[in-house]
C-alpha cells in the first residue's frame, strides 16, 4: 500500500514562501508520476503541479506558473513544492498525490492519481 505524508504547511504573509514536502512509502517511487493538488474551502480539488517519473517533465496550473516549482528526489522517495510569492488566493489544503504505476504522462485530473496524502494547510494572509 502506497502512503503519502505531507509536511511544511503553515501561515505566512502574502509575498512570502513555503516549501512543502511529501515522503512516499510503499511501492516503487520512481514508477509514479507525482503531483500536488489544492483545495480551497468550499471548492473542488484543483491540479497545482505535477512531475514525471524521472523528473524531466513538469506541469503547472496557470495560476502558479512562475511562482511554484515541483521537484523530486527518487533516492529519498520525496517530492517537493516550492511556493514563492504567495497570494491570499493560494490559501488551501495541499495534497500530495501519486499516479497509478508506470503512468506515461503527467496528468492534471483528479482521477489520474491513485494515492493521496492527508493534506497540509497553507494559509496566506494579506
C-alpha atoms as a PDB file:
ATOM      1  CA  UNK A   1       0.000   0.000   0.000  1.00  0.00           C
ATOM      2  CA  UNK A   2       1.382   3.385  -1.018  1.00  0.00           C
ATOM      3  CA  UNK A   3       1.301   6.018   1.716  1.00  0.00           C
ATOM      4  CA  UNK A   4       2.000   9.709   1.319  1.00  0.00           C
ATOM      5  CA  UNK A   5       2.697  12.135   4.152  1.00  0.00           C
ATOM      6  CA  UNK A   6       2.913  15.888   3.576  1.00  0.00           C
ATOM      7  CA  UNK A   7       4.633  18.464   5.707  1.00  0.00           C
ATOM      8  CA  UNK A   8       5.638  22.108   5.532  1.00  0.00           C
ATOM      9  CA  UNK A   9       2.314  23.905   5.512  1.00  0.00           C
ATOM     10  CA  UNK A  10       1.611  26.880   7.723  1.00  0.00           C
ATOM     11  CA  UNK A  11       0.553  30.503   7.992  1.00  0.00           C
ATOM     12  CA  UNK A  12       2.520  33.090   6.033  1.00  0.00           C
ATOM     13  CA  UNK A  13       2.126  36.651   4.830  1.00  0.00           C
ATOM     14  CA  UNK A  14       1.441  37.447   1.197  1.00  0.00           C
ATOM     15  CA  UNK A  15       4.676  37.576  -0.780  1.00  0.00           C
ATOM     16  CA  UNK A  16       6.445  35.040   1.412  1.00  0.00           C
ATOM     17  CA  UNK A  17       7.497  31.487   0.564  1.00  0.00           C
ATOM     18  CA  UNK A  18       6.841  27.973   1.766  1.00  0.00           C
ATOM     19  CA  UNK A  19       8.281  24.615   0.790  1.00  0.00           C
ATOM     20  CA  UNK A  20       6.021  21.611   1.029  1.00  0.00           C
ATOM     21  CA  UNK A  21       7.494  18.138   1.316  1.00  0.00           C
ATOM     22  CA  UNK A  22       5.966  14.732   0.789  1.00  0.00           C
ATOM     23  CA  UNK A  23       7.505  11.401   1.692  1.00  0.00           C
ATOM     24  CA  UNK A  24       6.208   8.273  -0.015  1.00  0.00           C
ATOM     25  CA  UNK A  25       6.382   4.744   1.321  1.00  0.00           C
ATOM     26  CA  UNK A  26       5.304   1.501  -0.290  1.00  0.00           C
ATOM     27  CA  UNK A  27       5.581   0.699  -3.959  1.00  0.00           C
ATOM     28  CA  UNK A  28       8.432   1.826  -6.217  1.00  0.00           C
ATOM     29  CA  UNK A  29       8.608   5.604  -6.036  1.00  0.00           C
ATOM     30  CA  UNK A  30      10.352   6.064  -9.371  1.00  0.00           C
ATOM     31  CA  UNK A  31       7.439   4.351 -11.123  1.00  0.00           C
ATOM     32  CA  UNK A  32       4.941   7.046 -10.097  1.00  0.00           C
ATOM     33  CA  UNK A  33       4.142  10.384 -11.587  1.00  0.00           C
ATOM     34  CA  UNK A  34       3.825  12.735  -8.618  1.00  0.00           C
ATOM     35  CA  UNK A  35       1.806  15.855  -8.135  1.00  0.00           C
ATOM     36  CA  UNK A  36       0.151  18.386  -5.866  1.00  0.00           C
ATOM     37  CA  UNK A  37      -3.486  19.407  -5.733  1.00  0.00           C
ATOM     38  CA  UNK A  38      -5.011  22.250  -3.767  1.00  0.00           C
ATOM     39  CA  UNK A  39      -8.474  22.506  -2.285  1.00  0.00           C
ATOM     40  CA  UNK A  40      -9.760  25.823  -1.042  1.00  0.00           C
ATOM     41  CA  UNK A  41     -12.662  25.858   1.382  1.00  0.00           C
ATOM     42  CA  UNK A  42     -15.913  25.146  -0.416  1.00  0.00           C
ATOM     43  CA  UNK A  43     -14.223  24.403  -3.727  1.00  0.00           C
ATOM     44  CA  UNK A  44     -13.214  21.363  -5.742  1.00  0.00           C
ATOM     45  CA  UNK A  45      -9.704  19.948  -5.633  1.00  0.00           C
ATOM     46  CA  UNK A  46      -7.594  21.535  -8.370  1.00  0.00           C
ATOM     47  CA  UNK A  47      -4.358  20.499 -10.013  1.00  0.00           C
ATOM     48  CA  UNK A  48      -1.387  22.628  -8.949  1.00  0.00           C
ATOM     49  CA  UNK A  49       1.728  20.888 -10.264  1.00  0.00           C
ATOM     50  CA  UNK A  50       2.958  17.536 -11.500  1.00  0.00           C
ATOM     51  CA  UNK A  51       6.280  15.903 -12.305  1.00  0.00           C
ATOM     52  CA  UNK A  52       7.164  12.909 -14.443  1.00  0.00           C
ATOM     53  CA  UNK A  53       8.708   9.743 -13.096  1.00  0.00           C
ATOM     54  CA  UNK A  54      12.264  10.776 -13.932  1.00  0.00           C
ATOM     55  CA  UNK A  55      11.675  14.420 -13.097  1.00  0.00           C
ATOM     56  CA  UNK A  56      12.350  15.644 -16.631  1.00  0.00           C
ATOM     57  CA  UNK A  57       8.844  16.944 -17.315  1.00  0.00           C
ATOM     58  CA  UNK A  58       6.758  19.247 -15.161  1.00  0.00           C
ATOM     59  CA  UNK A  59       3.305  20.736 -15.499  1.00  0.00           C
ATOM     60  CA  UNK A  60       1.706  23.640 -13.657  1.00  0.00           C
ATOM     61  CA  UNK A  61      -1.656  25.277 -13.290  1.00  0.00           C
ATOM     62  CA  UNK A  62      -1.687  28.674 -14.991  1.00  0.00           C
ATOM     63  CA  UNK A  63      -2.337  30.350 -11.654  1.00  0.00           C
ATOM     64  CA  UNK A  64       1.008  29.205 -10.207  1.00  0.00           C
ATOM     65  CA  UNK A  65       3.320  29.281 -13.229  1.00  0.00           C
ATOM     66  CA  UNK A  66       6.446  31.269 -12.477  1.00  0.00           C
ATOM     67  CA  UNK A  67       5.802  31.172  -8.718  1.00  0.00           C
ATOM     68  CA  UNK A  68       5.722  27.483  -7.776  1.00  0.00           C
ATOM     69  CA  UNK A  69       8.212  24.746  -8.605  1.00  0.00           C
ATOM     70  CA  UNK A  70       7.869  20.997  -8.170  1.00  0.00           C
ATOM     71  CA  UNK A  71      10.811  18.644  -7.891  1.00  0.00           C
ATOM     72  CA  UNK A  72      11.520  15.157  -6.688  1.00  0.00           C
ATOM     73  CA  UNK A  73      14.319  13.068  -5.235  1.00  0.00           C
ATOM     74  CA  UNK A  74      13.891   9.468  -6.295  1.00  0.00           C
ATOM     75  CA  UNK A  75      16.703   8.326  -3.991  1.00  0.00           C
ATOM     76  CA  UNK A  76      14.800   9.666  -0.972  1.00  0.00           C
ATOM     77  CA  UNK A  77      11.231   8.944  -2.117  1.00  0.00           C
ATOM     78  CA  UNK A  78      10.453  12.631  -1.737  1.00  0.00           C
ATOM     79  CA  UNK A  79       8.561  15.215  -3.753  1.00  0.00           C
ATOM     80  CA  UNK A  80       8.573  18.930  -3.022  1.00  0.00           C
ATOM     81  CA  UNK A  81       6.592  22.027  -3.889  1.00  0.00           C
ATOM     82  CA  UNK A  82       8.431  25.318  -3.600  1.00  0.00           C
ATOM     83  CA  UNK A  83       5.844  28.074  -3.280  1.00  0.00           C
ATOM     84  CA  UNK A  84       7.099  31.632  -3.822  1.00  0.00           C
ATOM     85  CA  UNK A  85       5.343  34.993  -3.962  1.00  0.00           C
ATOM     86  CA  UNK A  86       2.359  33.517  -2.189  1.00  0.00           C
ATOM     87  CA  UNK A  87      -1.014  35.187  -2.565  1.00  0.00           C
ATOM     88  CA  UNK A  88      -4.123  35.034  -0.408  1.00  0.00           C
ATOM     89  CA  UNK A  89      -5.838  33.052  -3.167  1.00  0.00           C
ATOM     90  CA  UNK A  90      -3.243  30.280  -2.703  1.00  0.00           C
ATOM     91  CA  UNK A  91      -4.823  29.505   0.657  1.00  0.00           C
ATOM     92  CA  UNK A  92      -5.896  25.871   0.542  1.00  0.00           C
ATOM     93  CA  UNK A  93      -5.237  22.389   1.785  1.00  0.00           C
ATOM     94  CA  UNK A  94      -2.496  20.941  -0.406  1.00  0.00           C
ATOM     95  CA  UNK A  95      -2.480  17.241  -1.193  1.00  0.00           C
ATOM     96  CA  UNK A  96       0.459  15.206  -2.391  1.00  0.00           C
ATOM     97  CA  UNK A  97      -0.611  12.634  -4.971  1.00  0.00           C
ATOM     98  CA  UNK A  98       0.924   9.721  -6.845  1.00  0.00           C
ATOM     99  CA  UNK A  99      -0.207   8.148 -10.046  1.00  0.00           C
ATOM    100  CA  UNK A 100      -1.038   4.618 -10.950  1.00  0.00           C
ATOM    101  CA  UNK A 101       2.035   2.512 -11.571  1.00  0.00           C
ATOM    102  CA  UNK A 102       4.024   3.494 -14.694  1.00  0.00           C
ATOM    103  CA  UNK A 103       1.712   6.324 -15.710  1.00  0.00           C
ATOM    104  CA  UNK A 104       3.075   7.588 -19.058  1.00  0.00           C
ATOM    105  CA  UNK A 105       2.309  11.295 -18.707  1.00  0.00           C
ATOM    106  CA  UNK A 106       1.759  13.949 -16.077  1.00  0.00           C
ATOM    107  CA  UNK A 107      -1.983  14.062 -15.582  1.00  0.00           C
ATOM    108  CA  UNK A 108      -3.907  17.091 -14.401  1.00  0.00           C
ATOM    109  CA  UNK A 109      -7.169  15.450 -13.379  1.00  0.00           C
ATOM    110  CA  UNK A 110      -8.132  14.073 -10.006  1.00  0.00           C
ATOM    111  CA  UNK A 111      -8.703  10.598 -11.438  1.00  0.00           C
ATOM    112  CA  UNK A 112      -5.203  10.472 -12.924  1.00  0.00           C
ATOM    113  CA  UNK A 113      -3.917   9.883  -9.409  1.00  0.00           C
ATOM    114  CA  UNK A 114      -4.381   6.749  -7.367  1.00  0.00           C
ATOM    115  CA  UNK A 115      -2.965   7.702  -3.982  1.00  0.00           C
ATOM    116  CA  UNK A 116      -3.482  10.816  -1.891  1.00  0.00           C
ATOM    117  CA  UNK A 117      -1.943  12.154   1.273  1.00  0.00           C
ATOM    118  CA  UNK A 118      -3.946  13.625   4.137  1.00  0.00           C
ATOM    119  CA  UNK A 119      -3.156  17.168   3.118  1.00  0.00           C
ATOM    120  CA  UNK A 120      -1.368  20.106   4.704  1.00  0.00           C
ATOM    121  CA  UNK A 121      -2.944  23.508   5.276  1.00  0.00           C
ATOM    122  CA  UNK A 122      -1.406  26.582   3.685  1.00  0.00           C
ATOM    123  CA  UNK A 123      -2.851  29.897   4.788  1.00  0.00           C
ATOM    124  CA  UNK A 124      -1.697  33.161   3.230  1.00  0.00           C
ATOM    125  CA  UNK A 125      -2.749  36.357   4.945  1.00  0.00           C
ATOM    126  CA  UNK A 126      -2.876  39.605   3.012  1.00  0.00           C
END
